[in-house]
Protein backbone atom coordinates (compact mmCIF):
# COMPACT_ATOMS: atom_id res chain seq x y z
CA MET A 1 -67.18 -29.94 -14.53
CA SER A 2 -66.18 -26.55 -13.85
CA LEU A 3 -67.77 -23.94 -16.33
CA TRP A 4 -65.12 -21.44 -15.05
CA GLY A 5 -61.87 -22.48 -14.29
CA ASN A 6 -60.17 -19.51 -14.62
CA ARG A 7 -56.77 -19.99 -17.01
CA VAL A 8 -54.23 -17.07 -16.16
CA ASP A 9 -52.29 -18.57 -18.29
CA CYS A 10 -54.32 -18.84 -21.06
CA TYR A 11 -52.37 -16.21 -23.03
CA GLU A 12 -49.60 -18.44 -23.22
CA VAL A 13 -51.70 -21.35 -24.39
CA ALA A 14 -53.00 -19.37 -26.88
CA ARG A 15 -49.75 -17.98 -28.07
CA SER A 16 -48.52 -21.87 -27.93
CA MET A 17 -50.95 -22.47 -30.58
CA VAL A 18 -49.66 -19.53 -33.13
CA ALA A 19 -46.85 -22.10 -33.21
CA ALA A 20 -49.12 -24.70 -34.70
CA LEU A 21 -49.54 -23.30 -38.17
CA ALA A 22 -48.29 -24.30 -41.00
CA ALA A 23 -48.07 -23.46 -44.73
CA PRO A 24 -50.59 -25.96 -46.21
CA ARG A 25 -54.36 -24.05 -46.21
CA LEU A 26 -55.63 -27.49 -44.42
CA ASN A 27 -58.11 -24.59 -42.56
CA ALA A 28 -61.29 -23.14 -44.68
CA PRO A 29 -63.48 -20.94 -42.20
CA HIS A 30 -66.38 -18.74 -43.54
CA TRP A 31 -65.67 -15.51 -41.96
CA GLN A 32 -69.62 -13.26 -41.74
CA GLN A 33 -70.04 -9.67 -39.73
CA LEU A 34 -73.53 -8.63 -38.80
CA GLU A 35 -74.93 -5.38 -39.06
CA ASN A 36 -74.69 -4.86 -35.00
CA GLY A 37 -70.93 -5.64 -35.49
CA LEU A 38 -70.62 -9.72 -33.99
CA ILE A 39 -68.21 -11.49 -35.96
CA ILE A 40 -69.38 -15.32 -37.12
CA ILE A 41 -66.66 -18.07 -38.39
CA ALA A 42 -67.80 -20.90 -39.14
CA GLU A 43 -66.10 -23.93 -40.31
CA ARG A 44 -67.52 -28.06 -41.29
CA LEU A 45 -65.09 -30.22 -39.75
CA PRO A 46 -66.00 -33.91 -40.33
CA VAL A 47 -65.74 -35.40 -36.96
CA PRO A 48 -68.61 -36.15 -34.79
CA ALA A 49 -68.79 -32.85 -32.56
CA VAL A 50 -69.19 -28.98 -32.50
CA THR A 51 -67.44 -27.04 -30.59
CA PHE A 52 -69.00 -22.99 -30.29
CA ASP A 53 -66.67 -20.47 -28.73
CA LEU A 54 -68.01 -17.17 -28.08
CA TRP A 55 -65.05 -14.38 -27.31
CA VAL A 56 -65.39 -10.86 -25.78
CA LYS A 57 -62.72 -8.64 -26.83
CA VAL A 58 -61.93 -7.48 -23.15
CA GLY A 59 -60.23 -8.89 -20.26
CA SER A 60 -58.40 -7.38 -17.19
CA ALA A 61 -56.43 -4.97 -19.19
CA VAL A 62 -59.50 -2.73 -19.52
CA GLU A 63 -60.40 -2.39 -15.66
CA PRO A 64 -59.35 0.35 -13.64
CA ASP A 65 -57.35 -0.35 -10.87
CA ALA A 66 -60.48 0.09 -8.50
CA VAL A 67 -62.50 -2.71 -10.07
CA ASN A 68 -59.08 -4.99 -10.97
CA GLY A 69 -60.73 -8.03 -11.21
CA VAL A 70 -64.64 -7.17 -12.43
CA ALA A 71 -64.12 -9.12 -16.20
CA HIS A 72 -62.87 -12.23 -14.07
CA PHE A 73 -65.80 -11.96 -11.44
CA LEU A 74 -68.87 -11.72 -14.53
CA GLU A 75 -66.81 -14.55 -16.37
CA HIS A 76 -68.44 -15.96 -12.84
CA MET A 77 -71.80 -14.31 -12.53
CA VAL A 78 -72.55 -15.00 -16.62
CA PHE A 79 -73.70 -18.50 -15.43
CA LYS A 80 -75.67 -17.70 -12.68
CA GLY A 81 -79.04 -17.25 -14.73
CA SER A 82 -81.03 -15.06 -16.81
CA GLN A 83 -84.51 -14.59 -17.72
CA ARG A 84 -85.26 -17.43 -19.26
CA LEU A 85 -82.66 -19.79 -17.12
CA LYS A 86 -82.83 -20.21 -13.30
CA ALA A 87 -79.25 -20.25 -11.55
CA GLY A 88 -77.55 -23.46 -12.43
CA GLU A 89 -79.97 -24.39 -15.28
CA PHE A 90 -77.41 -23.75 -18.05
CA GLU A 91 -74.96 -26.34 -16.26
CA GLN A 92 -77.32 -28.93 -16.21
CA GLN A 93 -78.66 -28.10 -20.10
CA VAL A 94 -74.80 -29.20 -20.49
CA GLU A 95 -74.58 -32.17 -18.65
CA ALA A 96 -78.25 -33.55 -19.46
CA ARG A 97 -76.66 -33.61 -23.21
CA GLY A 98 -73.34 -35.49 -22.20
CA ALA A 99 -71.57 -32.06 -23.44
CA ILE A 100 -68.37 -29.87 -21.75
CA ALA A 101 -68.22 -26.49 -21.22
CA ASN A 102 -65.95 -23.93 -19.64
CA ALA A 103 -64.83 -20.31 -19.69
CA ALA A 104 -61.57 -18.22 -18.80
CA THR A 105 -60.33 -14.81 -18.52
CA SER A 106 -57.31 -13.24 -19.59
CA GLN A 107 -55.97 -9.76 -19.83
CA ASP A 108 -56.94 -9.10 -23.61
CA TYR A 109 -60.46 -11.07 -23.76
CA THR A 110 -62.36 -13.35 -22.09
CA HIS A 111 -64.21 -16.30 -23.77
CA PHE A 112 -67.10 -19.09 -22.97
CA TYR A 113 -67.02 -22.21 -24.43
CA PHE A 114 -68.48 -25.71 -25.27
CA THR A 115 -68.11 -28.89 -27.37
CA CYS A 116 -70.99 -30.89 -27.92
CA ALA A 117 -73.07 -33.55 -30.10
CA PRO A 118 -74.14 -31.68 -33.46
CA SER A 119 -77.57 -32.09 -32.87
CA ASP A 120 -77.63 -30.50 -29.49
CA PHE A 121 -75.67 -27.30 -31.07
CA THR A 122 -78.78 -25.14 -31.85
CA ASP A 123 -80.60 -25.73 -28.39
CA LEU A 124 -77.11 -25.10 -26.33
CA VAL A 125 -75.74 -22.24 -28.61
CA SER A 126 -79.17 -20.32 -27.70
CA LEU A 127 -78.78 -20.59 -24.11
CA GLN A 128 -74.91 -19.92 -24.15
CA THR A 129 -75.30 -16.67 -25.92
CA ASP A 130 -78.21 -15.94 -23.59
CA VAL A 131 -76.49 -16.07 -20.40
CA VAL A 132 -73.66 -14.02 -21.95
CA LEU A 133 -75.75 -10.98 -23.40
CA ASN A 134 -78.48 -11.34 -20.55
CA PRO A 135 -76.91 -12.52 -17.39
CA LEU A 136 -79.75 -11.90 -14.34
CA LEU A 137 -76.23 -10.71 -12.17
CA ALA A 138 -78.77 -10.82 -9.14
CA GLU A 139 -77.43 -9.43 -5.46
CA ALA A 140 -77.67 -12.87 -3.92
CA GLU A 141 -76.15 -14.62 -6.73
CA PHE A 142 -73.69 -11.92 -6.47
CA GLU A 143 -73.21 -12.75 -2.66
CA ARG A 144 -72.34 -16.45 -3.18
CA GLU A 145 -70.79 -16.38 -6.39
CA ARG A 146 -67.89 -13.41 -4.52
CA ARG A 147 -67.30 -16.53 -1.75
CA VAL A 148 -66.57 -18.84 -4.63
CA VAL A 149 -63.91 -16.07 -6.08
CA LEU A 150 -62.34 -14.87 -3.03
CA LYS A 151 -61.44 -18.54 -2.52
CA GLU A 152 -59.83 -18.84 -6.07
CA ILE A 153 -57.64 -15.80 -5.41
CA ARG A 154 -56.88 -17.40 -2.21
CA ARG A 155 -55.74 -20.28 -3.69
CA ALA A 156 -53.76 -18.64 -6.35
CA ALA A 157 -52.13 -16.94 -3.22
CA ASP A 158 -51.16 -20.15 -1.87
CA ASN A 159 -49.50 -21.79 -5.44
CA PRO A 160 -45.98 -21.43 -5.32
CA ARG A 161 -46.05 -21.16 -8.86
CA ARG A 162 -48.60 -18.54 -9.12
CA ARG A 163 -46.94 -16.36 -6.71
CA ALA A 164 -43.51 -16.60 -8.63
CA TYR A 165 -45.66 -15.67 -11.78
CA TYR A 166 -47.48 -12.69 -10.44
CA ARG A 167 -43.18 -11.56 -9.05
CA MET A 168 -42.32 -11.70 -12.32
CA ILE A 169 -44.63 -9.74 -14.05
CA GLU A 170 -44.95 -6.87 -11.60
CA ALA A 171 -41.31 -6.73 -12.09
CA ALA A 172 -41.65 -6.91 -15.88
CA PHE A 173 -44.43 -4.02 -15.93
CA GLU A 174 -44.50 -0.88 -14.30
CA ARG A 175 -47.54 0.79 -15.43
CA LEU A 176 -49.03 -1.65 -17.64
CA PRO A 177 -52.26 -3.01 -16.97
CA TYR A 178 -50.59 -6.65 -17.59
CA ARG A 179 -48.91 -6.27 -14.67
CA ARG A 180 -51.72 -6.55 -12.54
CA PRO A 181 -53.40 -10.01 -11.83
CA VAL A 182 -56.20 -11.20 -13.69
CA LEU A 183 -58.33 -12.57 -10.68
CA GLY A 184 -57.59 -9.21 -8.98
CA PRO A 185 -56.86 -8.02 -5.25
CA TYR A 186 -58.29 -9.96 -2.67
CA ASP A 187 -59.59 -6.58 -0.71
CA THR A 188 -61.17 -4.82 -4.17
CA ILE A 189 -63.01 -7.90 -4.73
CA ALA A 190 -64.14 -8.46 -1.25
CA GLN A 191 -65.40 -4.96 -1.61
CA LEU A 192 -66.83 -4.89 -5.36
CA PRO A 193 -70.55 -3.74 -5.40
CA LEU A 194 -72.95 -5.71 -7.77
CA THR A 195 -73.14 -2.17 -9.64
CA ASP A 196 -69.74 -2.10 -10.96
CA LEU A 197 -69.90 -4.98 -12.22
CA GLN A 198 -73.37 -4.77 -13.82
CA ALA A 199 -71.98 -1.01 -15.39
CA PHE A 200 -68.50 -3.41 -16.78
CA HIS A 201 -71.07 -5.77 -18.43
CA ARG A 202 -73.30 -2.88 -19.87
CA GLN A 203 -70.33 -1.22 -21.38
CA TRP A 204 -68.26 -4.17 -23.00
CA TYR A 205 -70.60 -7.03 -23.49
CA GLY A 206 -72.50 -6.37 -26.89
CA PRO A 207 -72.47 -8.35 -30.23
CA ASN A 208 -69.64 -5.60 -31.59
CA GLN A 209 -67.89 -6.86 -29.14
CA LEU A 210 -67.66 -10.49 -29.47
CA VAL A 211 -66.39 -12.82 -32.32
CA ALA A 212 -68.41 -16.52 -32.43
CA VAL A 213 -66.48 -19.23 -33.62
CA VAL A 214 -68.55 -22.75 -34.74
CA VAL A 215 -66.26 -25.53 -35.74
CA GLY A 216 -67.51 -29.21 -36.12
CA ASP A 217 -69.75 -31.59 -38.68
CA LEU A 218 -72.47 -29.84 -39.46
CA PRO A 219 -73.44 -27.31 -42.54
CA GLU A 220 -71.51 -23.63 -42.16
CA ALA A 221 -74.75 -21.99 -43.44
CA GLU A 222 -76.76 -24.07 -40.24
CA MET A 223 -74.20 -22.94 -37.71
CA ILE A 224 -74.41 -19.52 -38.62
CA ASP A 225 -77.75 -18.83 -39.21
CA ALA A 226 -78.19 -20.58 -35.24
CA VAL A 227 -75.71 -17.85 -34.32
CA ARG A 228 -77.43 -15.13 -35.94
CA ALA A 229 -80.48 -16.00 -34.60
CA ALA A 230 -79.39 -16.01 -30.90
CA VAL A 231 -77.56 -13.04 -31.46
CA ALA A 232 -79.54 -10.72 -33.84
CA ASP A 233 -81.55 -8.70 -32.13
CA HIS A 234 -79.31 -7.22 -29.36
CA PRO A 235 -78.05 -3.80 -29.91
CA PRO A 236 -74.03 -2.59 -30.44
CA VAL A 237 -72.28 -1.31 -27.34
CA THR A 238 -70.42 2.15 -28.12
CA ALA A 239 -67.27 1.35 -25.64
CA GLN A 240 -63.95 1.04 -27.78
CA ARG A 241 -60.91 -0.40 -26.21
CA SER A 242 -58.35 2.35 -26.51
CA PRO A 243 -54.22 1.42 -27.00
CA LEU A 244 -52.06 0.85 -24.39
CA LEU A 245 -48.73 2.84 -25.05
CA PRO A 246 -45.66 0.17 -24.48
CA GLU A 247 -43.12 0.81 -21.85
CA PRO A 248 -39.31 1.12 -23.17
CA ALA A 249 -36.86 -1.56 -22.79
CA PHE A 250 -34.58 -2.32 -19.75
CA SER A 251 -32.03 0.27 -19.99
CA GLN A 252 -29.70 -1.10 -17.10
CA PRO A 253 -29.88 -4.00 -15.07
CA GLN A 254 -32.92 -4.75 -12.76
CA GLN A 255 -32.84 -7.57 -9.58
CA GLN A 256 -35.28 -8.23 -7.16
CA ILE A 257 -35.02 -11.28 -4.59
CA TYR A 258 -38.04 -12.88 -2.66
CA HIS A 259 -38.04 -15.80 -0.38
CA ASP A 260 -40.79 -18.53 -0.17
CA ALA A 261 -41.32 -20.94 2.38
CA ASP A 262 -43.34 -23.60 0.55
CA LEU A 263 -40.49 -24.18 -2.41
CA HIS A 264 -37.90 -26.38 -2.65
CA GLN A 265 -35.71 -25.45 -5.52
CA ALA A 266 -34.89 -21.62 -6.35
CA ARG A 267 -36.82 -19.92 -9.09
CA LEU A 268 -34.86 -17.74 -11.86
CA TYR A 269 -36.56 -15.33 -14.04
CA LEU A 270 -34.76 -13.26 -16.70
CA THR A 271 -37.20 -10.84 -18.49
CA TRP A 272 -37.36 -8.55 -21.52
CA ARG A 273 -40.23 -6.17 -22.87
CA VAL A 274 -40.37 -6.78 -26.43
CA PRO A 275 -43.06 -6.19 -29.18
CA GLY A 276 -46.52 -7.17 -28.94
CA LEU A 277 -49.30 -7.80 -31.32
CA SER A 278 -49.39 -4.27 -32.09
CA GLN A 279 -45.86 -4.93 -33.61
CA LEU A 280 -46.81 -8.49 -35.21
CA SER A 281 -44.13 -8.17 -37.70
CA ARG A 282 -41.65 -8.08 -34.94
CA THR A 283 -42.39 -10.87 -32.97
CA TYR A 284 -41.79 -13.78 -35.41
CA ALA A 285 -37.72 -13.60 -34.76
CA LEU A 286 -38.33 -13.78 -30.85
CA ASP A 287 -40.52 -16.40 -31.45
CA ALA A 288 -37.95 -18.62 -33.51
CA ILE A 289 -35.46 -17.56 -30.89
CA ALA A 290 -37.47 -18.47 -27.82
CA SER A 291 -37.42 -22.28 -29.68
CA ILE A 292 -33.91 -22.42 -30.26
CA LEU A 293 -32.86 -21.58 -26.69
CA ALA A 294 -35.34 -23.89 -25.44
CA SER A 295 -37.95 -26.21 -27.11
CA GLY A 296 -36.70 -29.57 -26.60
CA ARG A 297 -33.67 -31.71 -25.27
CA THR A 298 -31.54 -30.54 -28.52
CA SER A 299 -32.32 -26.91 -27.92
CA ARG A 300 -28.93 -24.35 -26.63
CA LEU A 301 -30.05 -24.22 -22.69
CA VAL A 302 -31.88 -27.60 -22.11
CA ALA A 303 -28.80 -29.42 -23.63
CA GLN A 304 -26.31 -27.24 -22.00
CA LEU A 305 -27.93 -26.72 -18.27
CA ARG A 306 -29.91 -29.48 -17.89
CA GLU A 307 -29.08 -32.31 -20.11
CA GLN A 308 -25.06 -32.04 -19.84
CA GLN A 309 -24.17 -29.67 -16.90
CA GLY A 310 -27.35 -30.88 -14.33
CA LEU A 311 -27.36 -27.57 -13.12
CA VAL A 312 -31.32 -27.02 -13.42
CA SER A 313 -34.23 -29.14 -13.05
CA ASN A 314 -35.94 -27.18 -15.94
CA ILE A 315 -35.75 -24.26 -17.79
CA VAL A 316 -37.95 -22.80 -20.54
CA ALA A 317 -38.22 -19.75 -22.84
CA SER A 318 -41.03 -18.02 -23.99
CA ASN A 319 -42.51 -15.33 -25.88
CA SER A 320 -45.36 -14.45 -24.53
CA THR A 321 -47.34 -11.41 -27.01
CA TYR A 322 -49.60 -9.44 -25.08
CA ARG A 323 -51.99 -7.26 -27.57
CA ASP A 324 -49.99 -4.47 -26.75
CA GLN A 325 -46.63 -5.29 -25.47
CA GLY A 326 -44.61 -8.10 -25.34
CA LEU A 327 -42.42 -9.85 -22.57
CA PHE A 328 -39.61 -12.37 -23.65
CA ALA A 329 -38.90 -14.79 -20.58
CA ILE A 330 -36.33 -17.52 -19.69
CA THR A 331 -37.20 -19.17 -16.18
CA ALA A 332 -35.46 -22.06 -14.55
CA ARG A 333 -36.00 -24.20 -11.76
CA LEU A 334 -32.62 -25.07 -9.94
CA PRO A 335 -30.52 -25.50 -7.01
CA VAL A 336 -29.24 -22.21 -4.83
CA ALA A 337 -26.02 -23.07 -5.56
CA HIS A 338 -26.62 -22.87 -9.04
CA LEU A 339 -27.92 -19.83 -9.64
CA ASP A 340 -25.27 -17.18 -10.54
CA THR A 341 -23.79 -19.82 -12.92
CA VAL A 342 -26.76 -20.38 -14.76
CA ARG A 343 -27.97 -16.97 -15.17
CA SER A 344 -24.18 -15.78 -16.43
CA GLN A 345 -24.33 -18.91 -18.72
CA VAL A 346 -27.91 -17.76 -20.09
CA LEU A 347 -27.00 -14.24 -20.69
CA ALA A 348 -23.59 -15.62 -22.30
CA GLU A 349 -25.87 -17.35 -24.70
CA LEU A 350 -27.36 -14.75 -25.57
CA GLN A 351 -24.10 -12.55 -26.21
CA SER A 352 -23.35 -15.23 -28.36
CA LEU A 353 -26.02 -14.98 -30.23
CA GLN A 354 -25.54 -11.47 -30.61
CA THR A 355 -22.18 -12.21 -32.11
CA GLU A 356 -22.57 -15.28 -33.93
CA PRO A 357 -25.41 -16.15 -36.56
CA VAL A 358 -27.68 -19.47 -35.49
CA THR A 359 -26.89 -22.72 -37.61
CA PRO A 360 -28.74 -23.16 -40.45
CA ALA A 361 -29.89 -26.63 -38.89
CA GLU A 362 -30.76 -24.89 -36.08
CA LEU A 363 -33.32 -22.78 -38.07
CA GLU A 364 -34.31 -25.84 -40.02
CA ARG A 365 -35.48 -27.32 -36.93
CA ILE A 366 -37.64 -24.68 -36.07
CA ARG A 367 -39.13 -24.72 -39.35
CA ARG A 368 -40.30 -28.64 -39.06
CA GLN A 369 -41.45 -28.18 -35.57
CA VAL A 370 -43.95 -25.42 -36.97
CA VAL A 371 -45.14 -27.97 -39.67
CA ASN A 372 -45.46 -30.68 -37.33
CA ARG A 373 -47.29 -28.79 -34.77
CA PHE A 374 -50.08 -27.14 -37.13
CA ILE A 375 -50.62 -30.59 -38.22
CA PHE A 376 -51.35 -32.16 -34.59
CA GLY A 377 -52.99 -28.53 -33.67
CA ASN A 378 -55.84 -28.85 -36.60
CA GLU A 379 -57.43 -32.43 -35.61
CA ARG A 380 -60.04 -31.12 -33.19
CA PRO A 381 -62.84 -28.51 -33.56
CA SER A 382 -61.81 -27.13 -30.18
CA ASP A 383 -58.36 -26.50 -31.31
CA ARG A 384 -59.21 -24.78 -34.46
CA ALA A 385 -62.34 -22.55 -32.49
CA SER A 386 -59.70 -21.61 -30.13
CA LEU A 387 -56.98 -20.50 -32.60
CA TYR A 388 -59.42 -18.49 -34.92
CA GLY A 389 -61.00 -16.88 -32.09
CA TYR A 390 -57.99 -15.89 -30.73
CA TYR A 391 -56.71 -14.08 -34.13
CA ALA A 392 -60.29 -12.97 -34.72
CA THR A 393 -60.59 -11.05 -31.19
CA LEU A 394 -56.54 -9.60 -31.04
CA LEU A 395 -55.83 -8.72 -34.68
CA GLY A 396 -59.39 -8.74 -36.32
CA SER A 397 -57.80 -11.47 -39.42
CA LEU A 398 -57.10 -14.95 -39.59
CA GLU A 399 -54.67 -14.34 -42.35
CA PRO A 400 -52.04 -13.72 -39.64
CA ALA A 401 -52.49 -17.38 -38.27
CA PHE A 402 -52.73 -18.93 -41.80
CA ASN A 403 -49.13 -16.90 -42.72
CA TYR A 404 -47.53 -17.85 -39.73
CA VAL A 405 -45.63 -20.55 -41.28
CA ASP A 406 -44.47 -18.54 -44.13
CA GLU A 407 -43.36 -15.90 -41.92
CA ILE A 408 -41.34 -18.31 -40.02
CA HIS A 409 -39.84 -20.20 -43.25
CA ALA A 410 -38.77 -16.56 -44.38
CA LEU A 411 -36.49 -15.58 -41.08
CA SER A 412 -32.96 -15.55 -42.05
CA VAL A 413 -29.81 -16.21 -39.67
CA ASP A 414 -29.59 -12.61 -40.05
CA ASP A 415 -32.95 -11.59 -38.69
CA LEU A 416 -32.44 -13.86 -35.76
CA GLN A 417 -29.39 -12.36 -34.92
CA ALA A 418 -30.97 -8.57 -35.59
CA ALA A 419 -33.64 -9.26 -32.98
CA VAL A 420 -31.51 -10.66 -29.97
CA GLN A 421 -29.25 -7.60 -30.69
CA THR A 422 -32.06 -5.01 -30.85
CA TYR A 423 -34.15 -6.69 -27.76
CA LEU A 424 -32.49 -9.03 -26.04
CA ALA A 425 -29.74 -7.22 -24.56
CA PRO A 426 -27.65 -9.79 -21.94
CA GLU A 427 -27.04 -6.62 -20.17
CA ALA A 428 -30.00 -5.17 -19.62
CA CYS A 429 -33.34 -7.28 -17.79
CA SER A 430 -34.84 -7.90 -15.18
CA THR A 431 -33.94 -10.64 -13.32
CA ILE A 432 -36.05 -12.27 -10.17
CA GLN A 433 -34.65 -14.68 -8.06
CA ILE A 434 -36.93 -16.54 -5.65
CA LEU A 435 -35.16 -18.83 -2.65
CA PRO A 436 -36.94 -21.57 -0.47
CA GLY A 437 -37.36 -20.59 2.87
CA GLU A 438 -37.91 -17.78 5.38
CA HIS A 439 -36.82 -14.41 4.50
CA GLY A 440 -33.60 -13.88 6.89
């Protein structure tokens, strides 16, 4: 079991859950906010398990460059003891009960979560909140964990997929902190003093920066009372995250070429800066366009470039929505010889979407996908807890989640065409090509 397996791509995972929402109001969570600012969301679900998911409203985007990676490092250190628990004791308590626990850091949030038997929830929620709000942050454990974090950074640097992602994200943003790795640079973490990590915790880890979500087979009042008892005595912090000014869309083509000796096929990345969650209403059409382009074997790019012509091994379209800006990306894995052809055909498809509306059949297929994903994504307590935590943390409300399918169903072919015309200009995108083999 890994309590701190970082998911650098967790924002995309969370965003994929957005597409799991639909018209039937299958969800009925209870929302309560304490005087110290803590938001508690609880829902009874008749399955023999309880998931507790504690979200912190900050991630790597709030870090100054000089301490980039401190949020992720703190995620690790949270489990290294408190005044009540010795280092490793929380993990022992979790494992002794047959529970499953983990944590993750992203650009816009950090969260700590476990799933356990209902009978173990009250004990474990007290321990989880204790290590999050009262970590010991001792020097000896800090130095030991630094080696673990540095090893994780090296593993990421050795991973071709991670390297390609970092190159794409650096090219996509010039100044926004979304361009930086969540893990931080190796040299920064190697020299990070414990005092900076302690200061980051004091600044951000208060109840008014937390969302506590509980879903499972216990009465809602019992779940809420257990969370309240664990957190009620903690005072709020004064820090507030300031909005980030989005970067303008590319005004002309951008292109960079890299080489990677570990690749067997080339990678192609085409990206556009688009609205983020701060402009939520503008994201729905882009979600639908991404699905029309490359969701399933019958989607446009998959059908043409992989199934019919065999030009790519894989092609994906995604609309990733960070809090203050989004990134629309089309990525492909393919032979080097096909790079120019595939890029041209992708951009030609976008040009076609600008001038010719999508078919009603394509739009209806997206609507059906949304309904089905909602049903499949509502079965487990962990699914619902992640969904509620994501929306409450980033938007301060659950209604956008429940209204998502209505927004998708309300889209017209004209809405999709206007979104392509506004945000996905074929002549103004960032292109990254990563070629197999050494440079030269």
